[in-house]
Amino acid sequence: MLIGPVYKKSRRVGFSILETGKELLKKPYGPGQHGNSRKRKLSNYGIQLTEKQKVRFMYGLNERQLKKTFIEAGKMKGIHGEDFLKLLESRLDNVVYRMGLANTRKGARQIVNHGHIKVNGKKVDIPSFKLKPSDTIIINESSKDHPAILEALEKTTTRVSYVSFDLNKMEGTFIRYPERNELNADINESLIVEFYSR
């Protein structure tokens, strides 16, 4: 994975895209020659845009994918911003990442793209595939000794409570949609709703 661009993006939006905080430890300011000295006061639009970019970079989506998910969330019955985050968390690539099968969401996308994953017994190679609660994610028999997967599993010490993973069976479950308090507290989704509602 190209760590450089990720670190730059994190510094640009002042937010840890990898959710580890590592990107901002050494240089907690914007990238470039004047990153430390040029602190512009953002307009309302700038603040909303930055918030939207934080989520877009974190989940690794392009603008079209992000907006499509936002529109989809608007058709749900809950709070628009929270439903938006819940839909992003239910993406197959994200759940593969949350289960510890990859070190990054980008790595998880590759694992899905390359056909290493089955959902409820059927091969799914679409990273944006939306999971429903109780869906099972199984690593293909032929992929169970995949070096990148094994290395990621070895590094995984904790998992979020809305997914489970059985290391012996090499399969996991998307138990439920997350509650808002289980998601990143540094995201202000209401600003994203304001951005798209302009």
N, C-alpha and C. Protein backbone atom coordinates (compact mmCIF):
# COMPACT_ATOMS: atom_id res chain seq x y z
N MET A 1 0.83 -1.19 0.00
CA MET A 1 0.00 0.00 0.00
C MET A 1 0.88 1.25 0.00
N LEU A 2 0.45 2.27 -0.78
CA LEU A 2 1.20 3.52 -0.81
C LEU A 2 0.85 4.35 0.41
N ILE A 3 1.70 4.24 1.44
CA ILE A 3 1.42 4.93 2.70
C ILE A 3 1.55 6.44 2.53
N GLY A 4 2.51 6.88 1.69
CA GLY A 4 2.73 8.31 1.48
C GLY A 4 1.46 9.10 1.19
N PRO A 5 0.73 8.73 0.10
CA PRO A 5 -0.50 9.45 -0.23
C PRO A 5 -1.53 9.44 0.91
N VAL A 6 -1.63 8.33 1.64
CA VAL A 6 -2.58 8.25 2.75
C VAL A 6 -2.21 9.26 3.83
N TYR A 7 -0.91 9.33 4.14
CA TYR A 7 -0.46 10.27 5.16
C TYR A 7 -0.75 11.71 4.74
N LYS A 8 -0.52 12.01 3.44
CA LYS A 8 -0.78 13.35 2.93
C LYS A 8 -2.26 13.69 3.04
N LYS A 9 -3.10 12.73 2.65
CA LYS A 9 -4.56 12.97 2.72
C LYS A 9 -4.99 13.19 4.16
N SER A 10 -4.44 12.40 5.06
CA SER A 10 -4.78 12.54 6.48
C SER A 10 -4.41 13.93 6.99
N ARG A 11 -3.22 14.37 6.61
CA ARG A 11 -2.78 15.69 7.07
C ARG A 11 -3.61 16.80 6.43
N ARG A 12 -4.03 16.57 5.19
CA ARG A 12 -4.83 17.59 4.49
C ARG A 12 -6.15 17.85 5.19
N VAL A 13 -6.77 16.79 5.68
CA VAL A 13 -8.08 16.95 6.34
C VAL A 13 -7.97 16.93 7.87
N GLY A 14 -6.73 16.80 8.38
CA GLY A 14 -6.52 16.82 9.83
C GLY A 14 -7.22 15.69 10.55
N PHE A 15 -7.15 14.49 9.96
CA PHE A 15 -7.94 13.36 10.45
C PHE A 15 -7.23 12.07 10.10
N SER A 16 -7.21 11.11 11.00
CA SER A 16 -6.53 9.83 10.74
C SER A 16 -7.40 8.91 9.90
N ILE A 17 -7.08 8.82 8.62
CA ILE A 17 -7.84 7.97 7.69
C ILE A 17 -7.73 6.50 8.08
N LEU A 18 -6.55 6.11 8.58
CA LEU A 18 -6.35 4.71 8.97
C LEU A 18 -6.91 4.41 10.37
N GLU A 19 -7.43 5.46 11.01
CA GLU A 19 -8.04 5.37 12.36
C GLU A 19 -7.06 4.89 13.42
N THR A 20 -5.76 5.10 13.15
CA THR A 20 -4.74 4.71 14.14
C THR A 20 -4.10 5.94 14.77
N GLY A 21 -4.21 7.09 14.08
CA GLY A 21 -3.58 8.32 14.56
C GLY A 21 -2.12 8.44 14.14
N LYS A 22 -1.56 7.36 13.56
CA LYS A 22 -0.13 7.34 13.22
C LYS A 22 0.25 8.42 12.20
N GLU A 23 -0.68 8.68 11.26
CA GLU A 23 -0.34 9.61 10.18
C GLU A 23 -0.08 11.02 10.69
N LEU A 24 -0.68 11.38 11.83
CA LEU A 24 -0.60 12.76 12.32
C LEU A 24 0.38 12.93 13.48
N LEU A 25 1.06 11.85 13.86
CA LEU A 25 1.97 11.93 15.02
C LEU A 25 3.13 12.90 14.79
N LYS A 26 3.82 12.71 13.68
CA LYS A 26 5.02 13.53 13.44
C LYS A 26 4.69 14.91 12.90
N LYS A 27 3.70 14.99 12.01
CA LYS A 27 3.36 16.25 11.36
C LYS A 27 1.86 16.49 11.42
N PRO A 28 1.36 17.00 12.53
CA PRO A 28 -0.08 17.21 12.66
C PRO A 28 -0.58 18.48 11.98
N TYR A 29 -0.07 18.73 10.76
CA TYR A 29 -0.49 19.91 10.01
C TYR A 29 -0.55 19.54 8.53
N GLY A 30 -1.05 20.46 7.71
CA GLY A 30 -1.25 20.19 6.29
C GLY A 30 0.04 19.85 5.56
N PRO A 31 -0.06 19.12 4.42
CA PRO A 31 1.13 18.76 3.65
C PRO A 31 1.70 19.97 2.91
N GLY A 32 2.91 19.82 2.39
CA GLY A 32 3.51 20.87 1.58
C GLY A 32 4.39 21.82 2.38
N GLN A 33 5.06 22.68 1.66
CA GLN A 33 6.05 23.58 2.24
C GLN A 33 5.46 24.51 3.30
N HIS A 34 4.21 24.94 3.08
CA HIS A 34 3.61 25.92 3.99
C HIS A 34 2.53 25.32 4.90
N GLY A 35 2.53 23.99 4.97
CA GLY A 35 1.49 23.31 5.74
C GLY A 35 1.39 23.75 7.18
N ASN A 36 2.54 24.11 7.76
CA ASN A 36 2.57 24.46 9.18
C ASN A 36 2.20 25.92 9.43
N SER A 37 2.42 26.76 8.40
CA SER A 37 2.26 28.20 8.63
C SER A 37 0.95 28.77 8.08
N ARG A 38 0.39 28.11 7.08
CA ARG A 38 -0.81 28.66 6.45
C ARG A 38 -2.07 28.04 7.00
N LYS A 39 -2.63 28.63 8.03
CA LYS A 39 -3.88 28.10 8.58
C LYS A 39 -5.00 29.05 8.18
N ARG A 40 -5.67 28.74 7.08
CA ARG A 40 -6.77 29.59 6.63
C ARG A 40 -8.01 29.28 7.44
N LYS A 41 -8.82 30.30 7.64
CA LYS A 41 -10.11 30.07 8.30
C LYS A 41 -11.07 29.58 7.23
N LEU A 42 -11.62 28.42 7.44
CA LEU A 42 -12.49 27.83 6.43
C LEU A 42 -13.88 28.44 6.47
N SER A 43 -14.49 28.55 5.29
CA SER A 43 -15.90 28.97 5.21
C SER A 43 -16.77 27.79 5.64
N ASN A 44 -18.07 28.02 5.79
CA ASN A 44 -18.99 26.92 6.13
C ASN A 44 -18.88 25.82 5.09
N TYR A 45 -18.85 26.23 3.82
CA TYR A 45 -18.73 25.25 2.73
C TYR A 45 -17.43 24.46 2.88
N GLY A 46 -16.34 25.16 3.19
CA GLY A 46 -15.03 24.50 3.36
C GLY A 46 -15.04 23.48 4.48
N ILE A 47 -15.73 23.83 5.57
CA ILE A 47 -15.83 22.92 6.72
C ILE A 47 -16.63 21.67 6.34
N GLN A 48 -17.74 21.89 5.64
CA GLN A 48 -18.58 20.76 5.21
C GLN A 48 -17.84 19.87 4.22
N LEU A 49 -17.12 20.50 3.29
CA LEU A 49 -16.36 19.76 2.28
C LEU A 49 -15.28 18.91 2.95
N THR A 50 -14.57 19.49 3.92
CA THR A 50 -13.52 18.75 4.63
C THR A 50 -14.10 17.53 5.33
N GLU A 51 -15.26 17.69 5.93
CA GLU A 51 -15.90 16.58 6.64
C GLU A 51 -16.27 15.46 5.67
N LYS A 52 -16.78 15.85 4.52
CA LYS A 52 -17.14 14.87 3.49
C LYS A 52 -15.90 14.15 2.98
N GLN A 53 -14.80 14.90 2.78
CA GLN A 53 -13.55 14.31 2.30
C GLN A 53 -12.96 13.33 3.32
N LYS A 54 -13.12 13.64 4.60
CA LYS A 54 -12.63 12.74 5.65
C LYS A 54 -13.24 11.35 5.46
N VAL A 55 -14.55 11.32 5.26
CA VAL A 55 -15.27 10.04 5.11
C VAL A 55 -14.90 9.38 3.77
N ARG A 56 -14.81 10.19 2.73
CA ARG A 56 -14.48 9.64 1.41
C ARG A 56 -13.09 8.99 1.42
N PHE A 57 -12.11 9.68 2.01
CA PHE A 57 -10.75 9.12 2.08
C PHE A 57 -10.70 7.89 2.98
N MET A 58 -11.40 7.96 4.11
CA MET A 58 -11.36 6.87 5.08
C MET A 58 -11.88 5.56 4.47
N TYR A 59 -13.01 5.65 3.77
CA TYR A 59 -13.59 4.44 3.18
C TYR A 59 -13.05 4.15 1.78
N GLY A 60 -12.23 5.07 1.25
CA GLY A 60 -11.58 4.84 -0.04
C GLY A 60 -12.52 4.84 -1.23
N LEU A 61 -13.50 5.74 -1.20
CA LEU A 61 -14.49 5.77 -2.28
C LEU A 61 -14.26 6.97 -3.20
N ASN A 62 -14.81 6.87 -4.42
CA ASN A 62 -14.80 8.06 -5.27
C ASN A 62 -16.09 8.85 -4.98
N GLU A 63 -16.17 10.03 -5.55
CA GLU A 63 -17.29 10.93 -5.25
C GLU A 63 -18.64 10.31 -5.62
N ARG A 64 -18.68 9.64 -6.78
CA ARG A 64 -19.94 9.05 -7.25
C ARG A 64 -20.44 7.96 -6.28
N GLN A 65 -19.51 7.11 -5.83
CA GLN A 65 -19.88 6.04 -4.89
C GLN A 65 -20.40 6.61 -3.58
N LEU A 66 -19.72 7.68 -3.12
CA LEU A 66 -20.10 8.28 -1.84
C LEU A 66 -21.50 8.89 -1.93
N LYS A 67 -21.75 9.63 -3.00
CA LYS A 67 -23.05 10.29 -3.16
C LYS A 67 -24.17 9.26 -3.32
N LYS A 68 -23.89 8.19 -4.04
CA LYS A 68 -24.88 7.12 -4.24
C LYS A 68 -25.27 6.52 -2.88
N THR A 69 -24.27 6.29 -2.03
CA THR A 69 -24.53 5.75 -0.69
C THR A 69 -25.33 6.74 0.14
N PHE A 70 -25.01 8.02 -0.01
CA PHE A 70 -25.73 9.07 0.73
C PHE A 70 -27.21 9.10 0.33
N ILE A 71 -27.47 9.00 -0.97
CA ILE A 71 -28.86 9.00 -1.47
C ILE A 71 -29.60 7.76 -0.95
N GLU A 72 -28.91 6.63 -0.99
CA GLU A 72 -29.49 5.37 -0.49
C GLU A 72 -29.86 5.50 1.00
N ALA A 73 -28.99 6.14 1.77
CA ALA A 73 -29.24 6.33 3.21
C ALA A 73 -30.47 7.19 3.44
N GLY A 74 -30.73 8.13 2.53
CA GLY A 74 -31.88 9.02 2.66
C GLY A 74 -33.21 8.28 2.53
N LYS A 75 -33.18 7.09 1.95
CA LYS A 75 -34.42 6.30 1.78
C LYS A 75 -34.69 5.41 3.00
N MET A 76 -33.73 5.40 3.93
CA MET A 76 -33.92 4.59 5.15
C MET A 76 -34.71 5.40 6.17
N LYS A 77 -35.19 4.72 7.20
CA LYS A 77 -36.11 5.37 8.14
C LYS A 77 -35.44 6.06 9.32
N GLY A 78 -34.12 5.88 9.47
CA GLY A 78 -33.43 6.45 10.63
C GLY A 78 -32.95 7.87 10.37
N ILE A 79 -31.92 8.28 11.11
CA ILE A 79 -31.30 9.60 10.94
C ILE A 79 -30.37 9.52 9.73
N HIS A 80 -30.55 10.44 8.79
CA HIS A 80 -29.86 10.36 7.50
C HIS A 80 -28.34 10.18 7.65
N GLY A 81 -27.69 11.03 8.43
CA GLY A 81 -26.24 10.97 8.58
C GLY A 81 -25.76 9.67 9.20
N GLU A 82 -26.49 9.20 10.21
CA GLU A 82 -26.11 7.94 10.88
C GLU A 82 -26.31 6.75 9.94
N ASP A 83 -27.43 6.77 9.21
CA ASP A 83 -27.69 5.68 8.26
C ASP A 83 -26.62 5.64 7.17
N PHE A 84 -26.15 6.82 6.78
CA PHE A 84 -25.08 6.93 5.79
C PHE A 84 -23.82 6.21 6.28
N LEU A 85 -23.43 6.47 7.52
CA LEU A 85 -22.25 5.82 8.09
C LEU A 85 -22.46 4.31 8.25
N LYS A 86 -23.68 3.92 8.63
CA LYS A 86 -23.99 2.49 8.80
C LYS A 86 -23.89 1.75 7.47
N LEU A 87 -24.36 2.39 6.39
CA LEU A 87 -24.25 1.76 5.07
C LEU A 87 -22.79 1.62 4.64
N LEU A 88 -21.98 2.63 4.94
CA LEU A 88 -20.55 2.55 4.61
C LEU A 88 -19.89 1.41 5.39
N GLU A 89 -20.29 1.25 6.64
CA GLU A 89 -19.72 0.18 7.48
C GLU A 89 -20.16 -1.21 7.01
N SER A 90 -21.31 -1.28 6.32
CA SER A 90 -21.82 -2.59 5.90
C SER A 90 -21.29 -3.02 4.53
N ARG A 91 -20.44 -2.20 3.92
CA ARG A 91 -19.80 -2.60 2.66
C ARG A 91 -18.92 -3.83 2.91
N LEU A 92 -18.87 -4.73 1.95
CA LEU A 92 -18.09 -5.96 2.12
C LEU A 92 -16.62 -5.67 2.37
N ASP A 93 -16.04 -4.73 1.61
CA ASP A 93 -14.60 -4.45 1.82
C ASP A 93 -14.34 -3.94 3.24
N ASN A 94 -15.25 -3.11 3.75
CA ASN A 94 -15.08 -2.58 5.10
C ASN A 94 -15.18 -3.68 6.15
N VAL A 95 -16.15 -4.59 5.97
CA VAL A 95 -16.35 -5.67 6.96
C VAL A 95 -15.16 -6.64 6.92
N VAL A 96 -14.64 -6.90 5.73
CA VAL A 96 -13.44 -7.74 5.60
C VAL A 96 -12.29 -7.10 6.39
N TYR A 97 -12.18 -5.78 6.27
CA TYR A 97 -11.17 -5.02 7.02
C TYR A 97 -11.44 -5.09 8.52
N ARG A 98 -12.68 -4.89 8.92
CA ARG A 98 -13.04 -4.91 10.35
C ARG A 98 -12.81 -6.30 10.98
N MET A 99 -12.92 -7.34 10.16
CA MET A 99 -12.70 -8.70 10.68
C MET A 99 -11.22 -9.00 10.86
N GLY A 100 -10.36 -8.13 10.30
CA GLY A 100 -8.92 -8.35 10.45
C GLY A 100 -8.31 -9.16 9.34
N LEU A 101 -9.04 -9.30 8.21
CA LEU A 101 -8.50 -10.07 7.08
C LEU A 101 -7.57 -9.24 6.20
N ALA A 102 -7.50 -7.94 6.48
CA ALA A 102 -6.58 -7.05 5.78
C ALA A 102 -6.17 -5.94 6.74
N ASN A 103 -4.99 -5.38 6.52
CA ASN A 103 -4.48 -4.32 7.40
C ASN A 103 -5.10 -2.96 7.10
N THR A 104 -5.58 -2.80 5.87
CA THR A 104 -6.19 -1.54 5.44
C THR A 104 -7.44 -1.84 4.62
N ARG A 105 -8.28 -0.81 4.45
CA ARG A 105 -9.47 -1.01 3.60
C ARG A 105 -9.06 -1.24 2.15
N LYS A 106 -7.97 -0.60 1.74
CA LYS A 106 -7.48 -0.81 0.37
C LYS A 106 -7.08 -2.28 0.17
N GLY A 107 -6.39 -2.83 1.17
CA GLY A 107 -6.02 -4.24 1.11
C GLY A 107 -7.24 -5.14 1.09
N ALA A 108 -8.27 -4.76 1.86
CA ALA A 108 -9.51 -5.54 1.91
C ALA A 108 -10.21 -5.53 0.54
N ARG A 109 -10.16 -4.37 -0.13
CA ARG A 109 -10.77 -4.27 -1.47
C ARG A 109 -10.10 -5.23 -2.44
N GLN A 110 -8.77 -5.33 -2.34
CA GLN A 110 -8.03 -6.23 -3.23
C GLN A 110 -8.40 -7.69 -2.97
N ILE A 111 -8.52 -8.03 -1.69
CA ILE A 111 -8.89 -9.41 -1.33
C ILE A 111 -10.26 -9.77 -1.92
N VAL A 112 -11.20 -8.83 -1.83
CA VAL A 112 -12.54 -9.06 -2.39
C VAL A 112 -12.47 -9.12 -3.91
N ASN A 113 -11.79 -8.13 -4.51
CA ASN A 113 -11.65 -8.07 -5.98
C ASN A 113 -11.07 -9.34 -6.58
N HIS A 114 -10.11 -9.93 -5.87
CA HIS A 114 -9.42 -11.12 -6.38
C HIS A 114 -10.17 -12.41 -6.11
N GLY A 115 -11.38 -12.30 -5.59
CA GLY A 115 -12.25 -13.47 -5.46
C GLY A 115 -11.93 -14.40 -4.30
N HIS A 116 -11.35 -13.86 -3.22
CA HIS A 116 -10.98 -14.71 -2.08
C HIS A 116 -12.13 -14.89 -1.08
N ILE A 117 -13.24 -14.18 -1.30
CA ILE A 117 -14.30 -14.13 -0.28
C ILE A 117 -15.63 -14.68 -0.79
N LYS A 118 -16.31 -15.39 0.10
CA LYS A 118 -17.69 -15.84 -0.18
C LYS A 118 -18.62 -15.21 0.84
N VAL A 119 -19.80 -14.83 0.40
CA VAL A 119 -20.83 -14.33 1.31
C VAL A 119 -21.99 -15.32 1.27
N ASN A 120 -22.32 -15.87 2.43
CA ASN A 120 -23.39 -16.88 2.53
C ASN A 120 -23.17 -18.01 1.51
N GLY A 121 -21.90 -18.40 1.35
CA GLY A 121 -21.58 -19.54 0.48
C GLY A 121 -21.38 -19.21 -0.99
N LYS A 122 -21.64 -17.96 -1.39
CA LYS A 122 -21.48 -17.58 -2.81
C LYS A 122 -20.32 -16.61 -2.98
N LYS A 123 -19.52 -16.83 -4.02
CA LYS A 123 -18.38 -15.95 -4.26
C LYS A 123 -18.86 -14.54 -4.61
N VAL A 124 -18.31 -13.55 -3.92
CA VAL A 124 -18.64 -12.14 -4.19
C VAL A 124 -17.33 -11.39 -4.39
N ASP A 125 -17.17 -10.76 -5.55
CA ASP A 125 -15.92 -10.01 -5.81
C ASP A 125 -16.20 -8.51 -6.01
N ILE A 126 -17.31 -8.03 -5.44
CA ILE A 126 -17.67 -6.61 -5.53
C ILE A 126 -17.47 -5.97 -4.16
N PRO A 127 -16.44 -5.12 -4.02
CA PRO A 127 -16.14 -4.52 -2.71
C PRO A 127 -17.31 -3.73 -2.11
N SER A 128 -18.13 -3.11 -2.97
CA SER A 128 -19.23 -2.28 -2.47
C SER A 128 -20.48 -3.09 -2.09
N PHE A 129 -20.41 -4.42 -2.24
CA PHE A 129 -21.55 -5.28 -1.90
C PHE A 129 -22.01 -4.98 -0.48
N LYS A 130 -23.31 -4.70 -0.30
CA LYS A 130 -23.84 -4.34 1.02
C LYS A 130 -24.28 -5.60 1.77
N LEU A 131 -23.71 -5.75 2.95
CA LEU A 131 -24.06 -6.90 3.78
C LEU A 131 -25.28 -6.59 4.64
N LYS A 132 -26.01 -7.63 4.97
CA LYS A 132 -27.14 -7.49 5.89
C LYS A 132 -26.77 -8.22 7.18
N PRO A 133 -27.36 -7.78 8.31
CA PRO A 133 -27.07 -8.46 9.57
C PRO A 133 -27.26 -9.98 9.46
N SER A 134 -26.33 -10.71 10.05
CA SER A 134 -26.24 -12.18 10.09
C SER A 134 -25.65 -12.79 8.82
N ASP A 135 -25.24 -11.98 7.84
CA ASP A 135 -24.54 -12.52 6.67
C ASP A 135 -23.19 -13.10 7.12
N THR A 136 -22.82 -14.22 6.51
CA THR A 136 -21.54 -14.85 6.86
C THR A 136 -20.51 -14.61 5.76
N ILE A 137 -19.30 -14.35 6.18
CA ILE A 137 -18.18 -14.10 5.26
C ILE A 137 -17.20 -15.25 5.45
N ILE A 138 -16.93 -15.95 4.36
CA ILE A 138 -16.05 -17.12 4.42
C ILE A 138 -14.88 -16.90 3.47
N ILE A 139 -13.70 -17.27 3.91
CA ILE A 139 -12.53 -17.22 3.02
C ILE A 139 -12.55 -18.49 2.18
N ASN A 140 -12.39 -18.33 0.87
CA ASN A 140 -12.35 -19.49 -0.03
C ASN A 140 -11.35 -20.52 0.46
N GLU A 141 -11.69 -21.77 0.27
CA GLU A 141 -10.83 -22.87 0.70
C GLU A 141 -9.41 -22.69 0.16
N SER A 142 -9.30 -22.31 -1.11
CA SER A 142 -7.99 -22.17 -1.76
C SER A 142 -7.22 -20.93 -1.28
N SER A 143 -7.92 -20.03 -0.56
CA SER A 143 -7.28 -18.77 -0.12
C SER A 143 -6.94 -18.77 1.37
N LYS A 144 -7.22 -19.87 2.06
CA LYS A 144 -7.06 -19.88 3.52
C LYS A 144 -5.60 -19.75 3.97
N ASP A 145 -4.67 -20.03 3.06
CA ASP A 145 -3.25 -19.86 3.42
C ASP A 145 -2.65 -18.66 2.65
N HIS A 146 -3.48 -17.75 2.22
CA HIS A 146 -3.02 -16.55 1.51
C HIS A 146 -2.13 -15.73 2.46
N PRO A 147 -0.89 -15.46 2.07
CA PRO A 147 0.05 -14.79 2.99
C PRO A 147 -0.46 -13.46 3.56
N ALA A 148 -1.06 -12.61 2.70
CA ALA A 148 -1.52 -11.29 3.16
C ALA A 148 -2.63 -11.43 4.20
N ILE A 149 -3.52 -12.40 3.99
CA ILE A 149 -4.63 -12.63 4.94
C ILE A 149 -4.08 -13.14 6.27
N LEU A 150 -3.19 -14.11 6.19
CA LEU A 150 -2.61 -14.68 7.41
C LEU A 150 -1.82 -13.64 8.20
N GLU A 151 -1.09 -12.80 7.48
CA GLU A 151 -0.29 -11.75 8.13
C GLU A 151 -1.21 -10.75 8.84
N ALA A 152 -2.30 -10.36 8.16
CA ALA A 152 -3.25 -9.41 8.75
C ALA A 152 -3.91 -10.00 9.99
N LEU A 153 -4.30 -11.27 9.91
CA LEU A 153 -4.96 -11.94 11.05
C LEU A 153 -4.02 -12.01 12.25
N GLU A 154 -2.74 -12.23 11.96
CA GLU A 154 -1.75 -12.31 13.03
C GLU A 154 -1.62 -10.97 13.77
N LYS A 155 -1.77 -9.87 13.03
CA LYS A 155 -1.64 -8.53 13.62
C LYS A 155 -2.91 -8.06 14.33
N THR A 156 -4.04 -8.73 14.05
CA THR A 156 -5.31 -8.27 14.61
C THR A 156 -5.46 -8.70 16.06
N THR A 157 -5.60 -7.73 16.94
CA THR A 157 -5.74 -8.05 18.36
C THR A 157 -7.17 -7.80 18.86
N THR A 158 -7.86 -6.84 18.25
CA THR A 158 -9.24 -6.56 18.66
C THR A 158 -10.13 -6.38 17.43
N ARG A 159 -11.41 -6.60 17.62
CA ARG A 159 -12.40 -6.40 16.55
C ARG A 159 -13.57 -5.59 17.09
N VAL A 160 -14.25 -4.92 16.19
CA VAL A 160 -15.45 -4.18 16.62
C VAL A 160 -16.53 -5.18 17.00
N SER A 161 -17.45 -4.75 17.87
CA SER A 161 -18.42 -5.72 18.42
C SER A 161 -19.53 -6.13 17.45
N TYR A 162 -19.63 -5.44 16.31
CA TYR A 162 -20.71 -5.81 15.37
C TYR A 162 -20.25 -6.80 14.29
N VAL A 163 -18.99 -7.27 14.40
CA VAL A 163 -18.56 -8.40 13.56
C VAL A 163 -17.93 -9.46 14.46
N SER A 164 -17.99 -10.71 14.00
CA SER A 164 -17.29 -11.77 14.73
C SER A 164 -16.45 -12.54 13.72
N PHE A 165 -15.42 -13.21 14.23
CA PHE A 165 -14.58 -14.01 13.33
C PHE A 165 -14.07 -15.23 14.06
N ASP A 166 -14.23 -16.39 13.42
CA ASP A 166 -13.76 -17.66 13.97
C ASP A 166 -12.48 -18.06 13.23
N LEU A 167 -11.37 -17.97 13.93
CA LEU A 167 -10.07 -18.22 13.32
C LEU A 167 -9.91 -19.68 12.87
N ASN A 168 -10.52 -20.60 13.59
CA ASN A 168 -10.41 -22.02 13.22
C ASN A 168 -11.16 -22.33 11.93
N LYS A 169 -12.34 -21.75 11.80
CA LYS A 169 -13.15 -22.00 10.59
C LYS A 169 -12.80 -21.04 9.46
N MET A 170 -12.07 -19.96 9.81
CA MET A 170 -11.75 -18.89 8.85
C MET A 170 -13.03 -18.32 8.25
N GLU A 171 -13.98 -18.04 9.13
CA GLU A 171 -15.20 -17.39 8.67
C GLU A 171 -15.73 -16.44 9.74
N GLY A 172 -16.48 -15.46 9.30
CA GLY A 172 -16.99 -14.46 10.23
C GLY A 172 -18.43 -14.10 9.93
N THR A 173 -19.00 -13.28 10.79
CA THR A 173 -20.40 -12.85 10.63
C THR A 173 -20.50 -11.34 10.81
N PHE A 174 -21.28 -10.73 9.93
CA PHE A 174 -21.66 -9.33 10.13
C PHE A 174 -22.88 -9.38 11.03
N ILE A 175 -22.67 -9.21 12.33
CA ILE A 175 -23.71 -9.47 13.32
C ILE A 175 -24.87 -8.49 13.19
N ARG A 176 -24.54 -7.21 13.08
CA ARG A 176 -25.58 -6.16 13.07
C ARG A 176 -24.98 -4.86 12.55
N TYR A 177 -25.85 -3.91 12.27
CA TYR A 177 -25.36 -2.57 11.93
C TYR A 177 -24.79 -1.95 13.21
N PRO A 178 -23.75 -1.14 13.09
CA PRO A 178 -23.19 -0.53 14.30
C PRO A 178 -24.08 0.56 14.87
N GLU A 179 -23.94 0.81 16.16
CA GLU A 179 -24.57 1.98 16.78
C GLU A 179 -23.67 3.18 16.51
N ARG A 180 -24.23 4.37 16.55
CA ARG A 180 -23.41 5.56 16.25
C ARG A 180 -22.23 5.68 17.21
N ASN A 181 -22.45 5.34 18.49
CA ASN A 181 -21.35 5.50 19.46
C ASN A 181 -20.21 4.50 19.26
N GLU A 182 -20.39 3.53 18.34
CA GLU A 182 -19.33 2.58 18.04
C GLU A 182 -18.49 3.04 16.84
N LEU A 183 -18.93 4.11 16.21
CA LEU A 183 -18.23 4.61 15.02
C LEU A 183 -17.35 5.80 15.38
N ASN A 184 -16.54 6.21 14.43
CA ASN A 184 -15.54 7.25 14.66
C ASN A 184 -16.15 8.55 15.18
N ALA A 185 -15.76 8.94 16.37
CA ALA A 185 -16.32 10.13 17.02
C ALA A 185 -15.82 11.42 16.38
N ASP A 186 -14.74 11.33 15.57
CA ASP A 186 -14.18 12.52 14.93
C ASP A 186 -14.89 12.89 13.63
N ILE A 187 -15.95 12.17 13.30
CA ILE A 187 -16.73 12.49 12.10
C ILE A 187 -18.01 13.19 12.53
N ASN A 188 -18.29 14.32 11.90
CA ASN A 188 -19.55 15.04 12.15
C ASN A 188 -20.43 14.86 10.93
N GLU A 189 -21.22 13.80 10.94
CA GLU A 189 -22.02 13.45 9.75
C GLU A 189 -23.08 14.48 9.40
N SER A 190 -23.50 15.28 10.38
CA SER A 190 -24.51 16.30 10.08
C SER A 190 -23.94 17.35 9.12
N LEU A 191 -22.62 17.59 9.17
CA LEU A 191 -21.99 18.51 8.22
C LEU A 191 -22.02 17.95 6.80
N ILE A 192 -21.93 16.62 6.68
CA ILE A 192 -21.99 15.97 5.37
C ILE A 192 -23.41 16.07 4.81
N VAL A 193 -24.39 15.91 5.69
CA VAL A 193 -25.79 16.06 5.27
C VAL A 193 -26.00 17.49 4.77
N GLU A 194 -25.44 18.46 5.47
CA GLU A 194 -25.55 19.87 5.05
C GLU A 194 -24.86 20.09 3.71
N PHE A 195 -23.71 19.44 3.52
CA PHE A 195 -22.96 19.60 2.26
C PHE A 195 -23.81 19.13 1.08
N TYR A 196 -24.38 17.93 1.21
CA TYR A 196 -25.16 17.37 0.10
C TYR A 196 -26.55 18.00 -0.05
N SER A 197 -26.99 18.70 0.98
CA SER A 197 -28.32 19.32 0.93
C SER A 197 -28.27 20.75 0.38
N ARG A 198 -27.07 21.23 0.06
CA ARG A 198 -26.96 22.60 -0.43
C ARG A 198 -27.72 22.78 -1.73
